[in-house]
């Protein structure tokens, strides 16, 4: 079998330059998680070498069991949220000179609000610490909770992101505890609550979908 080498644009650098080292030092010293590391993202070197990362709040243990995800999961009762974490995220973002901060989380079905209040506090701390900062939140579905979505709308992130992750046909297989229609509804209802805030979503490809699935 002929083996084809990856094209140069598809090769990601190892984590090793000065900026990557500084990012690591800041994150470690402030005891912060990133989705880059916890999900074992193959592109994390690309981000770290540019002095940036996506913060993962509400701990590093997820209550869902999505088949594609490398984050530690399937724990019914993860450790409680760290009340000082939002402030540390703001401090780390300032130390990294970030002007655009992306914050995501594990899913916390064990919390009454799904972690919405913790997201809101993180957004508030970032704005208090870094004048003019823009904040994008990438949230779980909050089990479709209207009150949680209202909390997110009230904190006014610059961008609200909730990923579908995969196509409808594969959703039950890859995300058995979640719901494709509920995720669509979360995006719709947030847009209705905060029509001036851009709402976005995303899917992965390469999980068995076809062109028709993606077009749908």
N, C-alpha and C. Protein backbone atom coordinates (compact mmCIF):
# COMPACT_ATOMS: atom_id res chain seq x y z
N UNK A 1 0.84 -1.20 0.00
CA UNK A 1 0.00 0.00 0.00
C UNK A 1 0.88 1.25 0.00
N UNK A 2 0.57 2.16 -0.88
CA UNK A 2 1.33 3.40 -0.96
C UNK A 2 0.93 4.34 0.16
N UNK A 3 1.92 4.85 0.87
CA UNK A 3 1.68 5.78 1.96
C UNK A 3 1.96 7.20 1.47
N UNK A 4 0.98 8.06 1.60
CA UNK A 4 1.13 9.45 1.17
C UNK A 4 1.46 10.33 2.36
N UNK A 5 2.47 11.17 2.22
CA UNK A 5 2.84 12.07 3.30
C UNK A 5 1.81 13.18 3.45
N UNK A 6 1.69 13.66 4.66
CA UNK A 6 0.82 14.81 4.90
C UNK A 6 1.37 16.03 4.18
N UNK A 7 0.51 16.85 3.59
CA UNK A 7 0.99 18.11 3.01
C UNK A 7 1.46 19.04 4.13
N UNK A 8 2.36 19.95 3.82
CA UNK A 8 2.91 20.84 4.86
C UNK A 8 1.84 21.61 5.64
N UNK A 9 0.77 22.02 4.96
CA UNK A 9 -0.26 22.82 5.64
C UNK A 9 -1.06 22.01 6.66
N UNK A 10 -0.96 20.68 6.59
CA UNK A 10 -1.69 19.83 7.52
C UNK A 10 -0.85 19.42 8.72
N UNK A 11 0.44 19.71 8.67
CA UNK A 11 1.33 19.34 9.77
C UNK A 11 1.30 20.40 10.86
N UNK A 12 1.07 19.97 12.08
CA UNK A 12 1.04 20.88 13.21
C UNK A 12 2.35 20.82 13.98
N UNK A 13 2.85 21.96 14.45
CA UNK A 13 4.12 21.97 15.18
C UNK A 13 4.00 21.31 16.54
N UNK A 14 5.12 20.80 17.03
CA UNK A 14 5.14 20.33 18.41
C UNK A 14 5.13 21.54 19.33
N UNK A 15 4.75 21.30 20.59
CA UNK A 15 4.67 22.41 21.55
C UNK A 15 6.06 22.64 22.12
N UNK A 16 6.73 23.70 21.63
CA UNK A 16 8.09 23.84 22.11
C UNK A 16 8.71 25.23 22.04
N UNK A 17 8.06 26.20 21.41
CA UNK A 17 8.72 27.50 21.31
C UNK A 17 8.48 28.33 22.57
N UNK A 18 9.02 29.52 22.57
CA UNK A 18 8.98 30.37 23.77
C UNK A 18 7.55 30.71 24.17
N UNK A 19 6.71 31.04 23.18
CA UNK A 19 5.33 31.41 23.49
C UNK A 19 4.57 30.23 24.10
N UNK A 20 4.79 29.04 23.55
CA UNK A 20 4.13 27.86 24.09
C UNK A 20 4.55 27.62 25.53
N UNK A 21 5.84 27.82 25.81
CA UNK A 21 6.33 27.64 27.17
C UNK A 21 5.71 28.64 28.13
N UNK A 22 5.53 29.87 27.68
CA UNK A 22 4.91 30.89 28.54
C UNK A 22 3.45 30.56 28.81
N UNK A 23 2.74 30.10 27.79
CA UNK A 23 1.34 29.71 27.98
C UNK A 23 1.24 28.59 29.00
N UNK A 24 2.08 27.58 28.84
CA UNK A 24 2.09 26.46 29.78
C UNK A 24 2.35 26.93 31.21
N UNK A 25 3.31 27.81 31.35
CA UNK A 25 3.68 28.31 32.68
C UNK A 25 2.52 29.04 33.33
N UNK A 26 1.85 29.89 32.57
CA UNK A 26 0.72 30.66 33.11
C UNK A 26 -0.41 29.72 33.52
N UNK A 27 -0.76 28.80 32.65
CA UNK A 27 -1.87 27.88 32.93
C UNK A 27 -1.58 27.00 34.13
N UNK A 28 -0.35 26.51 34.21
CA UNK A 28 0.02 25.63 35.32
C UNK A 28 0.04 26.39 36.64
N UNK A 29 0.62 27.59 36.63
CA UNK A 29 0.74 28.36 37.86
C UNK A 29 -0.63 28.79 38.40
N UNK A 30 -1.61 28.93 37.51
CA UNK A 30 -2.94 29.36 37.94
C UNK A 30 -3.94 28.20 38.02
N UNK A 31 -3.42 26.99 37.83
CA UNK A 31 -4.24 25.78 37.97
C UNK A 31 -5.49 25.85 37.10
N UNK A 32 -5.27 26.12 35.81
CA UNK A 32 -6.37 26.24 34.87
C UNK A 32 -6.32 25.12 33.84
N UNK A 33 -7.50 24.73 33.38
CA UNK A 33 -7.61 23.71 32.34
C UNK A 33 -7.87 24.36 30.99
N UNK A 34 -7.46 23.68 29.94
CA UNK A 34 -7.82 24.08 28.58
C UNK A 34 -8.44 22.89 27.87
N UNK A 35 -9.35 23.18 26.96
CA UNK A 35 -9.91 22.08 26.16
C UNK A 35 -8.83 21.53 25.24
N UNK A 36 -7.84 22.34 24.95
CA UNK A 36 -6.73 21.91 24.10
C UNK A 36 -6.05 20.67 24.68
N UNK A 37 -5.76 20.72 25.97
CA UNK A 37 -5.08 19.60 26.62
C UNK A 37 -6.04 18.49 27.03
N UNK A 38 -7.15 18.86 27.67
CA UNK A 38 -8.06 17.84 28.20
C UNK A 38 -8.69 17.00 27.09
N UNK A 39 -8.94 17.61 25.93
CA UNK A 39 -9.50 16.87 24.80
C UNK A 39 -8.42 16.33 23.87
N UNK A 40 -7.14 16.56 24.26
CA UNK A 40 -5.99 16.08 23.48
C UNK A 40 -6.06 16.56 22.04
N UNK A 41 -6.34 17.82 21.87
CA UNK A 41 -6.47 18.39 20.53
C UNK A 41 -5.15 18.29 19.77
N UNK A 42 -5.14 17.73 18.57
CA UNK A 42 -3.89 17.62 17.82
C UNK A 42 -3.37 18.96 17.31
N UNK A 43 -4.19 19.99 17.38
CA UNK A 43 -3.79 21.31 16.89
C UNK A 43 -3.35 22.25 18.00
N UNK A 44 -3.21 21.75 19.23
CA UNK A 44 -2.92 22.66 20.34
C UNK A 44 -1.58 23.35 20.20
N UNK A 45 -0.62 22.69 19.57
CA UNK A 45 0.66 23.34 19.35
C UNK A 45 0.54 24.58 18.50
N UNK A 46 -0.37 24.55 17.54
CA UNK A 46 -0.61 25.69 16.65
C UNK A 46 -1.08 26.90 17.45
N UNK A 47 -1.96 26.66 18.44
CA UNK A 47 -2.49 27.75 19.26
C UNK A 47 -1.49 28.20 20.32
N UNK A 48 -0.90 27.24 21.02
CA UNK A 48 0.04 27.58 22.09
C UNK A 48 1.22 28.38 21.55
N UNK A 49 1.69 28.04 20.37
CA UNK A 49 2.83 28.76 19.81
C UNK A 49 2.46 30.20 19.44
N UNK A 50 1.19 30.49 19.38
CA UNK A 50 0.73 31.86 19.11
C UNK A 50 0.26 32.54 20.38
N UNK A 51 0.54 31.91 21.51
CA UNK A 51 0.25 32.53 22.80
C UNK A 51 -1.20 32.53 23.19
N UNK A 52 -1.98 31.57 22.70
CA UNK A 52 -3.40 31.54 23.02
C UNK A 52 -3.84 30.12 23.35
N UNK A 53 -5.04 30.01 23.93
CA UNK A 53 -5.62 28.72 24.29
C UNK A 53 -7.11 28.94 24.56
N UNK A 54 -7.88 27.86 24.57
CA UNK A 54 -9.30 27.93 24.90
C UNK A 54 -9.50 27.39 26.31
N UNK A 55 -9.96 28.25 27.20
CA UNK A 55 -10.12 27.87 28.61
C UNK A 55 -11.28 26.89 28.78
N UNK A 56 -11.05 25.90 29.64
CA UNK A 56 -12.07 24.91 29.98
C UNK A 56 -12.43 25.11 31.45
N UNK A 57 -13.65 25.57 31.70
CA UNK A 57 -14.06 25.86 33.08
C UNK A 57 -14.98 24.76 33.61
N UNK A 58 -15.31 24.87 34.89
CA UNK A 58 -16.19 23.92 35.58
C UNK A 58 -15.53 22.56 35.77
N UNK A 59 -14.19 22.57 35.84
CA UNK A 59 -13.47 21.32 36.08
C UNK A 59 -13.07 20.64 34.79
N UNK A 60 -12.59 19.40 34.92
CA UNK A 60 -12.12 18.66 33.75
C UNK A 60 -12.82 17.31 33.61
N UNK A 61 -13.92 17.12 34.34
CA UNK A 61 -14.66 15.86 34.29
C UNK A 61 -16.08 16.13 33.80
N UNK A 62 -16.50 15.43 32.75
CA UNK A 62 -17.79 15.67 32.11
C UNK A 62 -18.82 14.64 32.55
N UNK A 63 -20.08 15.06 32.60
CA UNK A 63 -21.17 14.14 32.96
C UNK A 63 -21.80 13.47 31.74
N UNK A 64 -21.33 13.79 30.55
CA UNK A 64 -21.83 13.14 29.33
C UNK A 64 -20.83 12.06 28.87
N UNK A 65 -21.17 11.35 27.80
CA UNK A 65 -20.30 10.27 27.33
C UNK A 65 -20.17 10.26 25.81
N UNK A 66 -19.96 11.41 25.22
CA UNK A 66 -19.82 11.51 23.76
C UNK A 66 -18.67 10.62 23.28
N UNK A 67 -18.94 9.84 22.23
CA UNK A 67 -18.01 8.80 21.82
C UNK A 67 -16.69 9.33 21.26
N UNK A 68 -16.70 10.52 20.70
CA UNK A 68 -15.52 11.05 20.04
C UNK A 68 -14.58 11.82 20.97
N UNK A 69 -15.01 12.09 22.20
CA UNK A 69 -14.31 13.05 23.05
C UNK A 69 -13.34 12.36 24.00
N UNK A 70 -12.15 12.96 24.16
CA UNK A 70 -11.11 12.40 25.02
C UNK A 70 -11.16 12.94 26.44
N UNK A 71 -12.04 13.91 26.71
CA UNK A 71 -12.15 14.45 28.07
C UNK A 71 -12.66 13.37 29.01
N UNK A 72 -12.14 13.37 30.25
CA UNK A 72 -12.61 12.41 31.25
C UNK A 72 -14.11 12.57 31.43
N UNK A 73 -14.84 11.45 31.42
CA UNK A 73 -16.29 11.58 31.38
C UNK A 73 -17.00 10.47 32.13
N UNK A 74 -18.34 10.59 32.06
CA UNK A 74 -19.25 9.60 32.65
C UNK A 74 -19.23 9.60 34.16
N UNK A 75 -18.87 10.71 34.77
CA UNK A 75 -18.92 10.81 36.22
C UNK A 75 -20.23 11.47 36.63
N UNK A 76 -21.07 10.81 37.43
CA UNK A 76 -22.34 11.43 37.82
C UNK A 76 -22.18 12.62 38.75
N UNK A 77 -21.09 12.63 39.54
CA UNK A 77 -20.88 13.73 40.49
C UNK A 77 -19.42 14.18 40.43
N UNK A 78 -19.06 15.06 39.47
CA UNK A 78 -17.71 15.60 39.42
C UNK A 78 -17.45 16.51 40.62
N UNK A 79 -16.20 16.92 40.84
CA UNK A 79 -15.91 17.87 41.92
C UNK A 79 -16.70 19.16 41.73
N UNK A 80 -17.04 19.85 42.82
CA UNK A 80 -17.80 21.10 42.70
C UNK A 80 -17.00 22.16 41.96
N UNK A 81 -17.65 23.11 41.32
CA UNK A 81 -16.93 24.19 40.63
C UNK A 81 -16.06 24.98 41.60
N UNK A 82 -14.94 25.45 41.11
CA UNK A 82 -14.02 26.27 41.89
C UNK A 82 -14.49 27.72 41.83
N UNK A 83 -14.90 28.32 42.93
CA UNK A 83 -15.45 29.68 42.89
C UNK A 83 -14.42 30.73 42.46
N UNK A 84 -13.14 30.42 42.60
CA UNK A 84 -12.10 31.38 42.22
C UNK A 84 -11.67 31.23 40.75
N UNK A 85 -12.18 30.22 40.08
CA UNK A 85 -11.75 29.96 38.70
C UNK A 85 -12.03 31.12 37.76
N UNK A 86 -13.20 31.76 37.79
CA UNK A 86 -13.43 32.88 36.87
C UNK A 86 -12.38 33.99 36.99
N UNK A 87 -12.00 34.31 38.22
CA UNK A 87 -10.99 35.35 38.41
C UNK A 87 -9.64 34.91 37.86
N UNK A 88 -9.29 33.64 38.04
CA UNK A 88 -8.01 33.15 37.53
C UNK A 88 -7.99 33.12 36.00
N UNK A 89 -9.13 32.81 35.39
CA UNK A 89 -9.21 32.87 33.93
C UNK A 89 -8.93 34.30 33.45
N UNK A 90 -9.49 35.27 34.15
CA UNK A 90 -9.27 36.67 33.79
C UNK A 90 -7.81 37.06 33.98
N UNK A 91 -7.21 36.63 35.09
CA UNK A 91 -5.80 36.93 35.34
C UNK A 91 -4.91 36.30 34.29
N UNK A 92 -5.18 35.06 33.94
CA UNK A 92 -4.37 34.38 32.93
C UNK A 92 -4.53 35.05 31.57
N UNK A 93 -5.73 35.44 31.23
CA UNK A 93 -5.97 36.11 29.95
C UNK A 93 -5.22 37.43 29.86
N UNK A 94 -5.18 38.16 30.98
CA UNK A 94 -4.42 39.41 31.02
C UNK A 94 -2.94 39.13 30.88
N UNK A 95 -2.45 38.09 31.56
CA UNK A 95 -1.03 37.75 31.47
C UNK A 95 -0.64 37.32 30.07
N UNK A 96 -1.58 36.73 29.33
CA UNK A 96 -1.32 36.29 27.96
C UNK A 96 -1.61 37.39 26.94
N UNK A 97 -2.01 38.57 27.44
CA UNK A 97 -2.31 39.72 26.58
C UNK A 97 -3.41 39.42 25.56
N UNK A 98 -4.40 38.66 25.99
CA UNK A 98 -5.49 38.30 25.08
C UNK A 98 -6.50 39.44 24.97
N UNK A 99 -6.95 39.69 23.76
CA UNK A 99 -8.01 40.66 23.52
C UNK A 99 -9.31 39.97 23.12
N UNK A 100 -9.20 38.70 22.75
CA UNK A 100 -10.36 37.88 22.40
C UNK A 100 -10.19 36.56 23.14
N UNK A 101 -11.11 36.26 24.03
CA UNK A 101 -10.99 35.09 24.89
C UNK A 101 -12.14 34.12 24.60
N UNK A 102 -11.78 32.86 24.41
CA UNK A 102 -12.79 31.81 24.20
C UNK A 102 -12.84 30.93 25.44
N UNK A 103 -14.05 30.79 25.98
CA UNK A 103 -14.26 30.00 27.20
C UNK A 103 -15.27 28.91 26.91
N UNK A 104 -14.89 27.67 27.20
CA UNK A 104 -15.82 26.55 27.07
C UNK A 104 -15.85 25.79 28.38
N UNK A 105 -16.58 24.69 28.42
CA UNK A 105 -16.67 23.93 29.66
C UNK A 105 -16.99 22.48 29.37
N UNK A 106 -16.78 21.65 30.38
CA UNK A 106 -17.37 20.32 30.37
C UNK A 106 -18.87 20.48 30.60
N UNK A 107 -19.64 19.45 30.31
CA UNK A 107 -21.07 19.48 30.62
C UNK A 107 -21.26 19.09 32.08
N UNK A 108 -22.05 19.87 32.80
CA UNK A 108 -22.29 19.63 34.23
C UNK A 108 -23.78 19.43 34.49
N UNK A 109 -24.27 18.26 34.14
CA UNK A 109 -25.68 17.95 34.39
C UNK A 109 -25.99 17.84 35.88
N UNK A 110 -24.95 17.76 36.71
CA UNK A 110 -25.16 17.65 38.16
C UNK A 110 -25.49 18.99 38.81
N UNK A 111 -25.26 20.10 38.09
CA UNK A 111 -25.51 21.43 38.65
C UNK A 111 -26.90 21.91 38.24
N UNK A 112 -27.62 22.56 39.15
CA UNK A 112 -28.99 23.02 38.84
C UNK A 112 -29.07 23.91 37.60
N UNK A 113 -28.06 24.78 37.42
CA UNK A 113 -28.08 25.69 36.27
C UNK A 113 -27.16 25.21 35.16
N UNK A 114 -26.60 24.01 35.30
CA UNK A 114 -25.69 23.50 34.28
C UNK A 114 -24.38 24.23 34.18
N UNK A 115 -24.13 25.15 35.12
CA UNK A 115 -22.90 25.93 35.10
C UNK A 115 -23.05 27.30 34.46
N UNK A 116 -24.28 27.70 34.12
CA UNK A 116 -24.49 28.99 33.46
C UNK A 116 -24.00 30.15 34.32
N UNK A 117 -24.25 30.10 35.61
CA UNK A 117 -23.80 31.17 36.49
C UNK A 117 -22.29 31.29 36.53
N UNK A 118 -21.60 30.16 36.45
CA UNK A 118 -20.14 30.16 36.44
C UNK A 118 -19.62 30.78 35.14
N UNK A 119 -20.28 30.47 34.03
CA UNK A 119 -19.94 31.11 32.76
C UNK A 119 -20.11 32.63 32.88
N UNK A 120 -21.25 33.05 33.41
CA UNK A 120 -21.54 34.48 33.51
C UNK A 120 -20.51 35.19 34.38
N UNK A 121 -20.13 34.57 35.49
CA UNK A 121 -19.12 35.18 36.36
C UNK A 121 -17.78 35.27 35.65
N UNK A 122 -17.45 34.28 34.84
CA UNK A 122 -16.20 34.32 34.08
C UNK A 122 -16.20 35.47 33.09
N UNK A 123 -17.31 35.65 32.39
CA UNK A 123 -17.43 36.78 31.46
C UNK A 123 -17.28 38.10 32.21
N UNK A 124 -17.93 38.23 33.34
CA UNK A 124 -17.85 39.47 34.13
C UNK A 124 -16.43 39.74 34.62
N UNK A 125 -15.75 38.71 35.10
CA UNK A 125 -14.38 38.88 35.59
C UNK A 125 -13.45 39.28 34.46
N UNK A 126 -13.63 38.71 33.28
CA UNK A 126 -12.80 39.08 32.14
C UNK A 126 -12.99 40.55 31.78
N UNK A 127 -14.21 41.00 31.78
CA UNK A 127 -14.48 42.40 31.42
C UNK A 127 -13.97 43.36 32.49
N UNK A 128 -14.02 42.94 33.74
CA UNK A 128 -13.49 43.78 34.81
C UNK A 128 -11.97 43.88 34.74
N UNK A 129 -11.34 42.82 34.29
CA UNK A 129 -9.87 42.74 34.32
C UNK A 129 -9.23 43.32 33.05
N UNK A 130 -9.91 43.15 31.91
CA UNK A 130 -9.31 43.54 30.62
C UNK A 130 -10.26 44.48 29.88
N UNK A 131 -10.03 45.78 29.93
CA UNK A 131 -10.91 46.72 29.22
C UNK A 131 -10.97 46.41 27.73
N UNK A 132 -12.17 46.39 27.19
CA UNK A 132 -12.34 46.17 25.76
C UNK A 132 -12.23 44.74 25.29
N UNK A 133 -12.06 43.80 26.21
CA UNK A 133 -11.92 42.40 25.81
C UNK A 133 -13.20 41.90 25.16
N UNK A 134 -13.06 41.02 24.19
CA UNK A 134 -14.20 40.33 23.60
C UNK A 134 -14.20 38.89 24.09
N UNK A 135 -15.38 38.39 24.43
CA UNK A 135 -15.48 37.05 25.01
C UNK A 135 -16.46 36.21 24.20
N UNK A 136 -15.98 35.07 23.76
CA UNK A 136 -16.83 34.07 23.11
C UNK A 136 -17.03 32.91 24.07
N UNK A 137 -18.28 32.53 24.29
CA UNK A 137 -18.57 31.38 25.13
C UNK A 137 -19.03 30.22 24.25
N UNK A 138 -18.47 29.05 24.51
CA UNK A 138 -18.86 27.82 23.84
C UNK A 138 -19.48 26.92 24.90
N UNK A 139 -20.79 26.87 24.93
CA UNK A 139 -21.49 26.28 26.06
C UNK A 139 -22.04 24.89 25.76
N UNK A 140 -22.32 24.12 26.82
CA UNK A 140 -23.12 22.90 26.64
C UNK A 140 -24.58 23.27 26.41
N UNK A 141 -25.44 22.27 26.35
CA UNK A 141 -26.85 22.57 26.05
C UNK A 141 -27.67 22.95 27.28
N UNK A 142 -27.07 22.88 28.48
CA UNK A 142 -27.78 23.21 29.73
C UNK A 142 -29.08 22.42 29.87
N UNK A 143 -29.15 21.25 29.21
CA UNK A 143 -30.36 20.41 29.21
C UNK A 143 -31.58 21.20 28.73
N UNK A 144 -31.31 22.22 27.92
CA UNK A 144 -32.39 23.02 27.36
C UNK A 144 -33.02 24.00 28.33
N UNK A 145 -32.37 24.26 29.45
CA UNK A 145 -32.95 25.11 30.49
C UNK A 145 -33.12 26.56 30.02
N UNK A 146 -34.33 27.05 30.07
CA UNK A 146 -34.60 28.44 29.69
C UNK A 146 -33.92 29.40 30.65
N UNK A 147 -33.97 29.11 31.95
CA UNK A 147 -33.37 30.02 32.93
C UNK A 147 -31.86 30.11 32.73
N UNK A 148 -31.21 29.00 32.37
CA UNK A 148 -29.77 29.04 32.12
C UNK A 148 -29.46 29.87 30.89
N UNK A 149 -30.27 29.75 29.85
CA UNK A 149 -30.06 30.57 28.66
C UNK A 149 -30.29 32.04 28.97
N UNK A 150 -31.22 32.34 29.84
CA UNK A 150 -31.45 33.73 30.24
C UNK A 150 -30.23 34.30 30.97
N UNK A 151 -29.61 33.47 31.82
CA UNK A 151 -28.38 33.90 32.50
C UNK A 151 -27.30 34.23 31.47
N UNK A 152 -27.17 33.38 30.46
CA UNK A 152 -26.16 33.61 29.43
C UNK A 152 -26.47 34.87 28.63
N UNK A 153 -27.73 35.10 28.33
CA UNK A 153 -28.10 36.30 27.58
C UNK A 153 -27.84 37.56 28.39
N UNK A 154 -28.08 37.49 29.69
CA UNK A 154 -27.91 38.66 30.55
C UNK A 154 -26.44 39.05 30.72
N UNK A 155 -25.53 38.08 30.64
CA UNK A 155 -24.11 38.43 30.79
C UNK A 155 -23.51 38.97 29.50
N UNK A 156 -24.26 38.89 28.40
CA UNK A 156 -23.91 39.54 27.13
C UNK A 156 -22.52 39.16 26.61
N UNK A 157 -22.27 37.88 26.34
CA UNK A 157 -21.01 37.55 25.68
C UNK A 157 -20.99 38.18 24.29
N UNK A 158 -19.81 38.36 23.74
CA UNK A 158 -19.72 38.94 22.40
C UNK A 158 -20.15 37.95 21.33
N UNK A 159 -19.94 36.67 21.60
CA UNK A 159 -20.37 35.60 20.70
C UNK A 159 -20.88 34.44 21.55
N UNK A 160 -22.03 33.88 21.17
CA UNK A 160 -22.55 32.69 21.84
C UNK A 160 -22.41 31.52 20.87
N UNK A 161 -21.71 30.48 21.33
CA UNK A 161 -21.43 29.32 20.49
C UNK A 161 -21.93 28.07 21.20
N UNK A 162 -22.70 27.27 20.49
CA UNK A 162 -23.07 25.94 20.99
C UNK A 162 -22.96 24.98 19.81
N UNK A 163 -22.06 24.03 19.91
CA UNK A 163 -21.78 23.15 18.78
C UNK A 163 -22.74 21.97 18.70
N UNK A 164 -23.24 21.73 17.48
CA UNK A 164 -23.98 20.50 17.23
C UNK A 164 -23.05 19.29 17.26
N UNK A 165 -21.82 19.49 16.86
CA UNK A 165 -20.73 18.50 16.86
C UNK A 165 -20.81 17.50 15.71
N UNK A 166 -22.00 17.00 15.37
CA UNK A 166 -22.11 16.02 14.30
C UNK A 166 -23.47 16.15 13.63
N UNK A 167 -23.67 15.39 12.57
CA UNK A 167 -24.90 15.47 11.78
C UNK A 167 -26.03 14.71 12.48
N UNK A 168 -27.26 15.00 12.07
CA UNK A 168 -28.42 14.40 12.73
C UNK A 168 -28.37 12.87 12.72
N UNK A 169 -28.01 12.26 11.60
CA UNK A 169 -28.04 10.80 11.48
C UNK A 169 -27.10 10.12 12.47
N UNK A 170 -25.96 10.73 12.74
CA UNK A 170 -24.97 10.12 13.62
C UNK A 170 -25.12 10.55 15.08
N UNK A 171 -25.98 11.52 15.31
CA UNK A 171 -26.08 12.11 16.65
C UNK A 171 -26.40 11.07 17.73
N UNK A 172 -27.39 10.20 17.56
CA UNK A 172 -27.70 9.23 18.62
C UNK A 172 -26.55 8.28 18.93
N UNK A 173 -25.75 7.97 17.93
CA UNK A 173 -24.61 7.07 18.12
C UNK A 173 -23.47 7.76 18.85
N UNK A 174 -23.17 9.00 18.46
CA UNK A 174 -22.00 9.70 18.98
C UNK A 174 -22.30 10.51 20.23
N UNK A 175 -23.55 10.96 20.37
CA UNK A 175 -23.92 11.79 21.53
C UNK A 175 -25.20 11.23 22.15
N UNK A 176 -25.15 10.05 22.73
CA UNK A 176 -26.37 9.36 23.16
C UNK A 176 -27.15 10.07 24.27
N UNK A 177 -26.49 10.92 25.06
CA UNK A 177 -27.20 11.59 26.16
C UNK A 177 -27.74 12.95 25.72
N UNK A 178 -27.30 13.43 24.56
CA UNK A 178 -27.73 14.74 24.06
C UNK A 178 -28.83 14.58 23.02
N UNK A 179 -29.30 15.69 22.50
CA UNK A 179 -30.39 15.70 21.51
C UNK A 179 -30.09 16.73 20.43
N UNK A 180 -30.11 16.29 19.19
CA UNK A 180 -29.86 17.18 18.06
C UNK A 180 -30.87 18.33 18.04
N UNK A 181 -32.15 17.98 18.20
CA UNK A 181 -33.19 19.01 18.16
C UNK A 181 -33.09 19.96 19.35
N UNK A 182 -32.70 19.45 20.49
CA UNK A 182 -32.54 20.33 21.65
C UNK A 182 -31.41 21.32 21.42
N UNK A 183 -30.31 20.86 20.81
CA UNK A 183 -29.21 21.78 20.52
C UNK A 183 -29.64 22.86 19.54
N UNK A 184 -30.39 22.48 18.51
CA UNK A 184 -30.91 23.49 17.59
C UNK A 184 -31.81 24.48 18.32
N UNK A 185 -32.60 23.97 19.23
CA UNK A 185 -33.52 24.82 19.98
C UNK A 185 -32.78 25.78 20.90
N UNK A 186 -31.68 25.31 21.49
CA UNK A 186 -30.84 26.17 22.34
C UNK A 186 -30.34 27.36 21.53
N UNK A 187 -29.85 27.10 20.33
CA UNK A 187 -29.35 28.17 19.47
C UNK A 187 -30.48 29.14 19.10
N UNK A 188 -31.63 28.59 18.77
CA UNK A 188 -32.78 29.42 18.38
C UNK A 188 -33.24 30.30 19.54
N UNK A 189 -33.37 29.71 20.72
CA UNK A 189 -33.89 30.47 21.86
C UNK A 189 -32.90 31.52 22.34
N UNK A 190 -31.59 31.21 22.29
CA UNK A 190 -30.64 32.25 22.68
C UNK A 190 -30.72 33.42 21.71
N UNK A 191 -30.84 33.14 20.43
CA UNK A 191 -30.95 34.21 19.44
C UNK A 191 -32.18 35.08 19.69
N UNK A 192 -33.24 34.46 20.17
CA UNK A 192 -34.46 35.22 20.49
C UNK A 192 -34.27 36.06 21.75
N UNK A 193 -33.52 35.52 22.72
CA UNK A 193 -33.28 36.26 23.96
C UNK A 193 -32.31 37.42 23.75
N UNK A 194 -31.34 37.23 22.86
CA UNK A 194 -30.30 38.24 22.65
C UNK A 194 -30.05 38.39 21.15
N UNK A 195 -30.98 39.01 20.43
CA UNK A 195 -30.87 39.08 18.97
C UNK A 195 -29.67 39.85 18.46
N UNK A 196 -29.07 40.67 19.29
CA UNK A 196 -27.91 41.44 18.85
C UNK A 196 -26.58 40.72 19.00
N UNK A 197 -26.60 39.54 19.61
CA UNK A 197 -25.36 38.80 19.85
C UNK A 197 -25.21 37.72 18.79
N UNK A 198 -24.08 37.68 18.07
CA UNK A 198 -23.88 36.62 17.07
C UNK A 198 -23.94 35.24 17.71
N UNK A 199 -24.65 34.35 17.06
CA UNK A 199 -24.78 32.97 17.51
C UNK A 199 -24.15 32.06 16.47
N UNK A 200 -23.37 31.10 16.92
CA UNK A 200 -22.67 30.23 15.98
C UNK A 200 -22.72 28.78 16.45
N UNK A 201 -22.39 27.88 15.54
CA UNK A 201 -22.32 26.47 15.86
C UNK A 201 -21.32 25.82 14.92
N UNK A 202 -21.00 24.57 15.19
CA UNK A 202 -20.06 23.87 14.34
C UNK A 202 -20.25 22.37 14.41
N UNK A 203 -19.78 21.68 13.37
CA UNK A 203 -19.76 20.23 13.39
C UNK A 203 -18.38 19.74 12.98
N UNK A 204 -18.06 18.53 13.39
CA UNK A 204 -16.85 17.85 12.94
C UNK A 204 -17.21 17.02 11.71
N UNK A 205 -16.23 16.82 10.83
CA UNK A 205 -16.42 15.90 9.72
C UNK A 205 -15.39 14.79 9.84
N UNK A 206 -15.67 13.68 9.17
CA UNK A 206 -14.77 12.53 9.24
C UNK A 206 -15.23 11.48 10.23
N UNK A 207 -16.49 11.56 10.66
CA UNK A 207 -17.01 10.60 11.64
C UNK A 207 -17.98 9.61 11.01
N UNK A 208 -18.08 9.63 9.67
CA UNK A 208 -18.97 8.70 8.99
C UNK A 208 -20.12 9.36 8.27
N UNK A 209 -20.14 10.69 8.27
CA UNK A 209 -21.21 11.41 7.58
C UNK A 209 -20.96 11.42 6.07
N UNK A 210 -21.99 11.72 5.31
CA UNK A 210 -21.83 11.89 3.87
C UNK A 210 -22.23 13.31 3.49
N UNK A 211 -22.08 13.63 2.21
CA UNK A 211 -22.34 15.01 1.78
C UNK A 211 -23.79 15.41 2.04
N UNK A 212 -24.72 14.48 1.86
CA UNK A 212 -26.12 14.79 2.11
C UNK A 212 -26.39 15.11 3.57
N UNK A 213 -25.71 14.38 4.47
CA UNK A 213 -25.86 14.66 5.90
C UNK A 213 -25.43 16.08 6.22
N UNK A 214 -24.29 16.48 5.66
CA UNK A 214 -23.74 17.80 5.95
C UNK A 214 -24.65 18.89 5.37
N UNK A 215 -25.15 18.69 4.17
CA UNK A 215 -26.04 19.68 3.55
C UNK A 215 -27.32 19.85 4.35
N UNK A 216 -27.82 18.76 4.92
CA UNK A 216 -29.02 18.85 5.75
C UNK A 216 -28.79 19.72 6.97
